[in-house]
Amino acid sequence: MPDITLTTLQSLKQKGEKITMLTCYDATFAHTCCEAGVEVLLVGDSLGMVLQGHDSTLPVSNADMAYHVAAVKRGNNGALILADLPFMSYATPEQALSSSAQLMQAGAHMVKIEGAAWLAESVRLLNERGVPVCVHMGLTPQTVNVLGGYKVQGRNESQARQMRADAIALEQAGAAMLLLECVPSELAAEITQAVKIPVIGIGAGSATDGQVLVLHDMLGLSLSGRSPKFVKNFMAGKDSIQAALSAYVDAVKAVTFPGAEHGFSA
């Protein structure tokens, strides 16, 4: 796979070809995902739940993230590596710079932060200093205690209006990509059309520019035995992990995943 860059992702959006992204936390899976054609490897703070066994992402440290970014970097073969800044590691623009430097030096090509237009100053500062930023909007797991649980966001008109405005403001501040989680499909489609940067969805319908799932979820692995509505088990009926990964890439590219049953309405 040729090296995937931000220019590649922008070109895919312009051509209308879907972008594939999966979480990844180690060298072996990085190599395997690349062989399947996954374009973006997200070293997510979801590792706190799927690898460390916590009940949220909040205990994850920046040192944890740097360790896993470095591992993924060693197994990577052309994918773009996107790394989460964990809880309270970017509370101020200065802290965002310091935390991002650690992850970029470990091997990330871009960082992801959770929030809305209040992040504009940090996004602008990071972009000026050579750090591309993806902003995670909608259901933001690091603020689950404020949200009152893992709930769909943007269902009422005032929330939807604010989310649309925030997306545009973040693009203007220099955000390189947006990720929408658990957002009504119609709203996600509107935001995708409203901005020129790539928009990745998870539980946000099929009209976004690409899709992401947690690797363990799409392989049918879960500590709780329960899967979110937006997850599909791609291991079902497959005889290898490689076949499941290839099936995921094919389904996203063909726009057969996600289906209507994986999305949410307003």
Protein backbone atom coordinates (compact mmCIF):
# COMPACT_ATOMS: atom_id res chain seq x y z
CA MET A 1 0.00 0.00 0.00
CA PRO A 2 1.45 3.42 -0.93
CA ASP A 3 1.90 5.81 1.97
CA ILE A 4 -1.43 7.37 2.97
CA THR A 5 -1.24 11.10 3.72
CA LEU A 6 -3.72 13.87 4.43
CA THR A 7 -3.56 14.68 0.72
CA THR A 8 -4.62 11.08 -0.03
CA LEU A 9 -7.61 11.35 2.32
CA GLN A 10 -8.64 14.69 0.84
CA SER A 11 -8.46 13.18 -2.64
CA LEU A 12 -10.62 10.23 -1.58
CA LYS A 13 -13.27 12.63 -0.27
CA GLN A 14 -13.23 14.61 -3.51
CA LYS A 15 -13.55 11.43 -5.58
CA GLY A 16 -16.34 10.08 -3.38
CA GLU A 17 -14.34 6.97 -2.40
CA LYS A 18 -14.89 5.90 1.20
CA ILE A 19 -12.01 6.02 3.71
CA THR A 20 -11.39 2.97 5.91
CA MET A 21 -10.18 3.30 9.50
CA LEU A 22 -9.79 0.80 12.35
CA THR A 23 -8.41 1.10 15.85
CA CYS A 24 -5.03 -0.56 16.27
CA TYR A 25 -2.78 -0.93 19.30
CA ASP A 26 0.16 -3.18 18.35
CA ALA A 27 2.66 -4.01 15.61
CA THR A 28 1.14 -7.30 14.46
CA PHE A 29 -2.34 -5.91 13.93
CA ALA A 30 -0.86 -2.80 12.29
CA HIS A 31 0.84 -5.03 9.74
CA THR A 32 -2.30 -7.14 9.23
CA CYS A 33 -4.58 -4.11 8.82
CA CYS A 34 -2.21 -2.63 6.24
CA GLU A 35 -2.24 -5.89 4.27
CA ALA A 36 -6.05 -5.65 4.17
CA GLY A 37 -5.87 -2.10 2.81
CA VAL A 38 -6.99 -0.14 5.89
CA GLU A 39 -5.97 3.45 5.21
CA VAL A 40 -5.99 4.93 8.72
CA LEU A 41 -4.90 3.21 11.94
CA LEU A 42 -6.43 4.88 14.99
CA VAL A 43 -4.41 4.31 18.13
CA GLY A 44 -7.43 5.02 20.30
CA ASP A 45 -7.71 5.63 24.01
CA SER A 46 -10.31 2.86 23.70
CA LEU A 47 -7.32 0.70 24.61
CA GLY A 48 -8.18 1.58 28.19
CA MET A 49 -11.30 -0.54 27.86
CA VAL A 50 -10.39 -3.27 25.34
CA LEU A 51 -6.78 -3.84 26.42
CA GLN A 52 -6.54 -2.60 30.01
CA GLY A 53 -10.01 -3.64 31.16
CA HIS A 54 -11.18 -0.28 32.52
CA ASP A 55 -14.85 0.71 32.35
CA SER A 56 -14.05 3.96 30.51
CA THR A 57 -11.22 5.66 28.63
CA LEU A 58 -10.48 8.08 31.47
CA PRO A 59 -7.60 6.19 33.18
CA VAL A 60 -5.46 6.15 30.01
CA SER A 61 -2.30 8.29 30.20
CA ASN A 62 -0.31 9.99 27.47
CA ALA A 63 2.56 7.63 28.28
CA ASP A 64 0.20 4.69 27.57
CA MET A 65 -0.70 6.26 24.24
CA ALA A 66 2.92 6.91 23.26
CA TYR A 67 3.84 3.29 24.04
CA HIS A 68 1.12 1.93 21.75
CA VAL A 69 1.74 4.51 19.00
CA ALA A 70 5.39 3.40 18.89
CA ALA A 71 4.31 -0.25 18.66
CA VAL A 72 1.88 0.47 15.82
CA LYS A 73 4.53 2.53 14.02
CA ARG A 74 6.89 -0.44 13.99
CA GLY A 75 4.28 -2.66 12.30
CA ASN A 76 2.84 -0.05 9.99
CA ASN A 77 3.25 -0.35 6.24
CA GLY A 78 1.86 2.78 4.64
CA ALA A 79 -1.25 3.64 6.67
CA LEU A 80 -1.74 7.03 8.29
CA ILE A 81 -1.43 6.76 12.08
CA LEU A 82 -3.96 8.80 14.05
CA ALA A 83 -3.46 8.95 17.83
CA ASP A 84 -5.85 10.02 20.57
CA LEU A 85 -4.83 12.60 23.10
CA PRO A 86 -6.24 11.07 26.31
CA PHE A 87 -8.40 12.60 29.03
CA MET A 88 -7.11 15.93 30.42
CA SER A 89 -3.95 15.85 28.29
CA TYR A 90 -5.09 18.88 26.22
CA ALA A 91 -7.01 20.98 28.75
CA THR A 92 -5.03 24.05 27.64
CA PRO A 93 -3.42 24.86 24.28
CA GLU A 94 0.01 24.61 25.86
CA GLN A 95 -0.76 21.19 27.28
CA ALA A 96 -2.09 20.11 23.89
CA LEU A 97 1.22 21.10 22.30
CA SER A 98 3.27 19.14 24.84
CA SER A 99 1.07 16.03 24.69
CA SER A 100 0.92 16.08 20.89
CA ALA A 101 4.70 16.39 20.60
CA GLN A 102 5.09 13.18 22.61
CA LEU A 103 2.72 11.24 20.34
CA MET A 104 4.07 12.67 17.09
CA GLN A 105 7.62 11.80 18.16
CA ALA A 106 6.41 8.26 18.95
CA GLY A 107 5.21 7.89 15.35
CA ALA A 108 1.76 9.47 14.95
CA HIS A 109 0.95 11.42 11.79
CA MET A 110 -2.06 13.20 13.30
CA VAL A 111 -3.69 13.57 16.73
CA LYS A 112 -7.35 13.37 17.70
CA ILE A 113 -9.03 15.45 20.39
CA GLU A 114 -12.60 15.35 21.64
CA GLY A 115 -14.83 18.39 21.84
CA ALA A 116 -16.35 21.21 19.84
CA ALA A 117 -15.65 24.81 18.82
CA TRP A 118 -14.00 25.57 22.18
CA LEU A 119 -11.04 23.60 20.80
CA ALA A 120 -10.48 26.11 17.97
CA GLU A 121 -7.53 27.86 19.62
CA SER A 122 -5.75 24.56 20.31
CA VAL A 123 -6.46 23.33 16.77
CA ARG A 124 -5.06 26.55 15.30
CA LEU A 125 -1.95 26.41 17.46
CA LEU A 126 -1.26 22.73 16.74
CA ASN A 127 -1.78 23.22 13.01
CA GLU A 128 0.64 26.15 12.99
CA ARG A 129 3.24 23.99 14.76
CA GLY A 130 2.99 21.15 12.26
CA VAL A 131 0.52 18.86 14.05
CA PRO A 132 -2.55 17.88 11.98
CA VAL A 133 -5.69 17.54 14.11
CA CYS A 134 -8.83 15.40 13.89
CA VAL A 135 -11.66 16.60 16.12
CA HIS A 136 -13.99 13.95 17.57
CA MET A 137 -17.55 15.28 17.91
CA GLY A 138 -20.95 13.94 18.96
CA LEU A 139 -20.65 11.24 21.60
CA THR A 140 -17.27 11.99 23.14
CA PRO A 141 -16.32 9.14 25.50
CA GLN A 142 -13.98 11.28 27.62
CA THR A 143 -16.97 13.41 28.69
CA VAL A 144 -19.31 10.48 29.31
CA ASN A 145 -19.89 11.63 32.90
CA VAL A 146 -21.08 15.05 31.69
CA LEU A 147 -23.24 13.53 28.96
CA GLY A 148 -24.86 11.18 31.47
CA GLY A 149 -23.88 8.02 29.64
CA TYR A 150 -23.22 6.77 26.14
CA LYS A 151 -26.07 8.56 24.35
CA VAL A 152 -26.74 9.68 20.79
CA GLN A 153 -25.94 13.39 20.37
CA GLY A 154 -27.54 16.00 18.10
CA ARG A 155 -31.07 14.67 18.12
CA ASN A 156 -32.79 17.97 18.89
CA GLU A 157 -32.59 20.92 16.51
CA SER A 158 -30.61 23.22 18.80
CA GLN A 159 -27.95 20.56 19.35
CA ALA A 160 -27.83 19.80 15.64
CA ARG A 161 -27.53 23.49 14.73
CA GLN A 162 -24.69 23.91 17.22
CA MET A 163 -22.87 20.83 15.94
CA ARG A 164 -23.06 22.07 12.35
CA ALA A 165 -21.69 25.47 13.40
CA ASP A 166 -18.94 23.89 15.48
CA ALA A 167 -17.83 21.69 12.58
CA ILE A 168 -17.47 24.70 10.29
CA ALA A 169 -15.64 26.69 12.99
CA LEU A 170 -13.18 23.84 13.56
CA GLU A 171 -12.49 23.51 9.83
CA GLN A 172 -11.81 27.24 9.69
CA ALA A 173 -9.43 26.88 12.66
CA GLY A 174 -7.41 24.34 10.69
CA ALA A 175 -8.81 20.93 11.62
CA ALA A 176 -7.68 18.33 9.08
CA MET A 177 -10.48 15.84 9.75
CA LEU A 178 -13.63 15.33 11.81
CA LEU A 179 -14.91 12.15 13.45
CA LEU A 180 -18.63 11.93 14.29
CA GLU A 181 -19.75 9.32 16.82
CA CYS A 182 -23.38 8.38 17.52
CA VAL A 183 -24.90 11.23 15.55
CA PRO A 184 -28.18 10.99 13.59
CA SER A 185 -27.41 9.87 10.04
CA GLU A 186 -29.11 12.89 8.45
CA LEU A 187 -27.11 15.34 10.59
CA ALA A 188 -23.85 13.53 9.82
CA ALA A 189 -24.64 13.77 6.10
CA GLU A 190 -25.30 17.52 6.42
CA ILE A 191 -22.00 18.10 8.23
CA THR A 192 -20.09 16.01 5.69
CA GLN A 193 -21.47 18.18 2.90
CA ALA A 194 -20.87 21.42 4.81
CA VAL A 195 -17.11 20.97 5.22
CA LYS A 196 -14.31 20.32 2.74
CA ILE A 197 -12.25 18.16 5.11
CA PRO A 198 -12.84 14.40 5.45
CA VAL A 199 -15.51 13.30 7.92
CA ILE A 200 -15.30 9.82 9.46
CA GLY A 201 -18.32 8.21 11.08
CA ILE A 202 -19.01 5.61 13.75
CA GLY A 203 -22.71 5.19 14.36
CA ALA A 204 -23.26 8.16 12.03
CA GLY A 205 -24.70 6.55 8.92
CA SER A 206 -23.21 5.82 5.52
CA ALA A 207 -23.03 9.33 4.08
CA THR A 208 -19.82 10.30 5.86
CA ASP A 209 -16.54 10.17 3.93
CA GLY A 210 -15.37 7.07 5.78
CA GLN A 211 -15.98 4.67 8.65
CA VAL A 212 -14.17 3.55 11.79
CA LEU A 213 -14.80 0.69 14.20
CA VAL A 214 -12.97 -0.60 17.23
CA LEU A 215 -10.92 -3.54 15.97
CA HIS A 216 -12.06 -5.89 18.74
CA ASP A 217 -15.72 -5.01 18.12
CA MET A 218 -15.59 -5.82 14.40
CA LEU A 219 -13.87 -9.13 15.22
CA GLY A 220 -16.72 -10.06 17.56
CA LEU A 221 -14.65 -9.72 20.74
CA SER A 222 -16.16 -8.06 23.79
CA LEU A 223 -15.54 -8.18 27.53
CA SER A 224 -19.21 -7.45 28.20
CA GLY A 225 -20.65 -9.78 25.56
CA ARG A 226 -22.69 -6.84 24.21
CA SER A 227 -22.05 -4.83 21.05
CA PRO A 228 -23.24 -1.30 20.23
CA LYS A 229 -25.91 -0.95 17.56
CA PHE A 230 -23.41 0.46 15.06
CA VAL A 231 -21.10 -2.59 15.20
CA LYS A 232 -21.05 -5.47 12.73
CA ASN A 233 -19.15 -8.70 13.47
CA PHE A 234 -17.03 -9.22 10.35
CA MET A 235 -15.56 -12.46 11.71
CA ALA A 236 -18.90 -14.21 11.32
CA GLY A 237 -18.55 -16.80 8.58
CA LYS A 238 -14.85 -16.04 8.01
CA ASP A 239 -12.00 -18.47 8.56
CA SER A 240 -9.32 -15.88 9.41
CA ILE A 241 -8.82 -12.43 10.88
CA GLN A 242 -7.27 -11.35 7.58
CA ALA A 243 -10.47 -12.32 5.76
CA ALA A 244 -12.57 -10.36 8.28
CA LEU A 245 -10.41 -7.25 7.88
CA SER A 246 -10.62 -7.50 4.08
CA ALA A 247 -14.40 -7.91 4.32
CA TYR A 248 -14.63 -4.74 6.42
CA VAL A 249 -12.58 -2.75 3.90
CA ASP A 250 -14.64 -4.09 1.00
CA ALA A 251 -17.95 -3.35 2.74
CA VAL A 252 -16.99 0.24 3.57
CA LYS A 253 -15.71 0.87 0.04
CA ALA A 254 -18.87 -0.63 -1.49
CA VAL A 255 -21.07 1.34 0.95
CA THR A 256 -22.76 -1.85 2.11
CA PHE A 257 -21.58 -1.05 5.66
CA PRO A 258 -22.96 0.62 7.62
CA GLY A 259 -26.54 -0.28 6.79
CA ALA A 260 -29.59 1.59 7.97
CA GLU A 261 -29.78 -0.76 10.95
CA HIS A 262 -26.42 0.49 12.21
CA GLY A 263 -27.44 4.19 12.31
CA PHE A 264 -29.60 6.51 14.38
CA SER A 265 -32.44 8.86 13.57
CA ALA A 266 -33.12 12.31 15.00
